[in-house]
Protein backbone atom coordinates (compact mmCIF):
# COMPACT_ATOMS: atom_id res chain seq x y z
CA UNK A 1 0.00 0.00 0.00
CA UNK A 2 1.21 3.48 -0.80
CA UNK A 3 1.40 5.90 2.09
CA UNK A 4 -1.31 8.58 2.05
CA UNK A 5 1.21 11.33 1.29
CA UNK A 6 2.22 9.40 -1.84
CA UNK A 7 -1.33 9.15 -3.23
CA UNK A 8 -3.43 11.49 -5.35
CA UNK A 9 -6.75 11.62 -3.55
CA UNK A 10 -8.95 14.33 -5.05
CA UNK A 11 -10.57 14.43 -8.46
CA UNK A 12 -9.02 17.87 -9.01
CA UNK A 13 -5.53 16.40 -8.55
CA UNK A 14 -6.28 13.73 -11.14
CA UNK A 15 -7.83 16.23 -13.55
CA UNK A 16 -5.01 18.76 -13.35
CA UNK A 17 -2.34 16.07 -13.74
CA UNK A 18 -4.04 14.60 -16.79
CA UNK A 19 -4.63 18.01 -18.41
CA UNK A 20 -1.32 19.73 -17.64
CA UNK A 21 1.04 16.78 -17.37
CA UNK A 22 3.18 15.14 -20.04
CA UNK A 23 1.57 12.05 -21.54
CA UNK A 24 3.51 8.90 -22.39
CA UNK A 25 1.72 5.85 -23.73
CA UNK A 26 2.51 2.27 -24.55
CA UNK A 27 0.48 -0.83 -25.40
CA UNK A 28 -1.04 -1.33 -21.95
CA UNK A 29 -0.39 1.87 -19.95
CA UNK A 30 -0.65 5.63 -20.27
CA UNK A 31 1.33 7.73 -17.80
CA UNK A 32 0.67 11.42 -17.12
CA UNK A 33 3.42 13.21 -15.20
CA UNK A 34 3.20 16.80 -13.93
CA UNK A 35 6.25 18.18 -12.13
CA UNK A 36 5.65 20.08 -8.91
CA UNK A 37 8.88 21.29 -7.34
CA UNK A 38 6.95 22.68 -4.35
CA UNK A 39 5.77 19.18 -3.42
CA UNK A 40 7.86 17.29 -0.87
CA UNK A 41 7.64 13.98 -2.81
CA UNK A 42 5.98 12.18 -5.70
CA UNK A 43 2.27 11.28 -5.60
CA UNK A 44 0.63 8.53 -7.65
CA UNK A 45 -2.95 7.91 -8.79
CA UNK A 46 -4.38 5.03 -10.80
CA UNK A 47 -7.24 4.81 -13.29
CA UNK A 48 -8.37 1.31 -14.21
CA UNK A 49 -11.59 1.33 -16.25
CA UNK A 50 -14.09 -1.47 -16.74
CA UNK A 51 -12.62 -2.06 -20.21
CA UNK A 52 -9.65 -3.71 -18.46
CA UNK A 53 -11.90 -6.45 -17.08
CA UNK A 54 -14.16 -7.34 -14.21
CA UNK A 55 -13.68 -6.16 -10.64
CA UNK A 56 -11.21 -8.93 -9.79
CA UNK A 57 -8.96 -8.13 -12.76
CA UNK A 58 -9.18 -4.36 -12.18
CA UNK A 59 -8.20 -4.76 -8.53
CA UNK A 60 -5.33 -7.06 -9.50
CA UNK A 61 -3.99 -4.44 -11.93
CA UNK A 62 -4.34 -1.68 -9.31
CA UNK A 63 -2.51 -3.73 -6.67
CA UNK A 64 0.30 -4.49 -9.10
CA UNK A 65 0.62 -0.86 -10.19
CA UNK A 66 0.67 0.33 -6.58
CA UNK A 67 3.42 -2.17 -5.74
CA UNK A 68 5.48 -1.13 -8.77
CA UNK A 69 5.08 2.56 -7.97
CA UNK A 70 6.05 1.94 -4.33
CA UNK A 71 9.26 0.30 -5.57
CA UNK A 72 9.82 3.28 -7.88
CA UNK A 73 9.57 5.70 -4.93
CA UNK A 74 12.73 4.40 -3.27
CA UNK A 75 15.29 5.66 -5.82
CA UNK A 76 12.96 8.45 -6.97
CA UNK A 77 14.05 12.04 -6.64
CA UNK A 78 11.24 13.40 -8.82
CA UNK A 79 8.76 15.75 -7.22
CA UNK A 80 5.72 15.19 -9.38
CA UNK A 81 2.13 14.05 -9.60
CA UNK A 82 1.72 10.88 -11.65
CA UNK A 83 -1.48 9.33 -12.99
CA UNK A 84 -1.23 5.82 -14.43
CA UNK A 85 -4.10 4.72 -16.67
CA UNK A 86 -4.35 1.01 -17.46
CA UNK A 87 -5.54 0.04 -20.92
CA UNK A 88 -7.35 -3.14 -21.99
CA UNK A 89 -4.95 -6.07 -21.89
CA UNK A 90 -3.05 -4.88 -18.82
CA UNK A 91 -4.67 -7.60 -16.72
CA UNK A 92 -3.27 -10.34 -18.98
CA UNK A 93 0.33 -9.16 -18.63
CA UNK A 94 2.77 -11.02 -16.46
CA UNK A 95 4.23 -9.15 -13.47
CA UNK A 96 7.65 -8.57 -15.07
CA UNK A 97 6.15 -7.38 -18.37
CA UNK A 98 3.89 -4.87 -16.58
CA UNK A 99 6.78 -3.72 -14.42
CA UNK A 100 9.17 -3.18 -17.34
CA UNK A 101 6.49 -1.34 -19.34
CA UNK A 102 5.72 0.90 -16.35
CA UNK A 103 9.39 1.66 -15.69
CA UNK A 104 10.18 2.44 -19.32
CA UNK A 105 7.12 4.72 -19.70
CA UNK A 106 7.85 6.41 -16.39
CA UNK A 107 11.49 7.11 -17.30
CA UNK A 108 10.39 8.51 -20.68
CA UNK A 109 7.87 10.80 -18.96
CA UNK A 110 10.52 12.01 -16.49
CA UNK A 111 12.93 12.78 -19.35
CA UNK A 112 10.21 14.67 -21.24
CA UNK A 113 9.53 16.93 -18.26
CA UNK A 114 13.14 17.91 -17.57
CA UNK A 115 13.59 21.59 -18.23
CA UNK A 116 16.69 22.46 -20.27
C-alpha cells in the first residue's frame, strides 16, 4: 500500500495532472506526469476502467501498479504528480512485463519533463 502522502486523492488532482502533465503511452499503460517542485515527494494515482476487465482483474492491476510505484519511490528524486491509466490487456500481462512497461514509460515521462 502506498502511504497517504504518496497518493493522489482528489478528483481535481487527477484532472489537473491529466490536463497539464506530459503524456507517455505504450500498449497497456498511459502515464501522465506533472512536475511540482513545491511538493515534498511524488504522488501517484491510478485509473483502471471497466474495459480492463471485471472487478477482480481491475483490482489485480491496481494492486500491481501500486506495488510497482512503491518500488519506484525508493530511488525516486522526482517531485511530481503521476497518474497511471491502465488500458485493456493490462490484466493479462505477467508481473515482469507490466513492471518493465511501467518503468520504461515512467522514465520517458521524467525525461520529457526535464527543463533544459
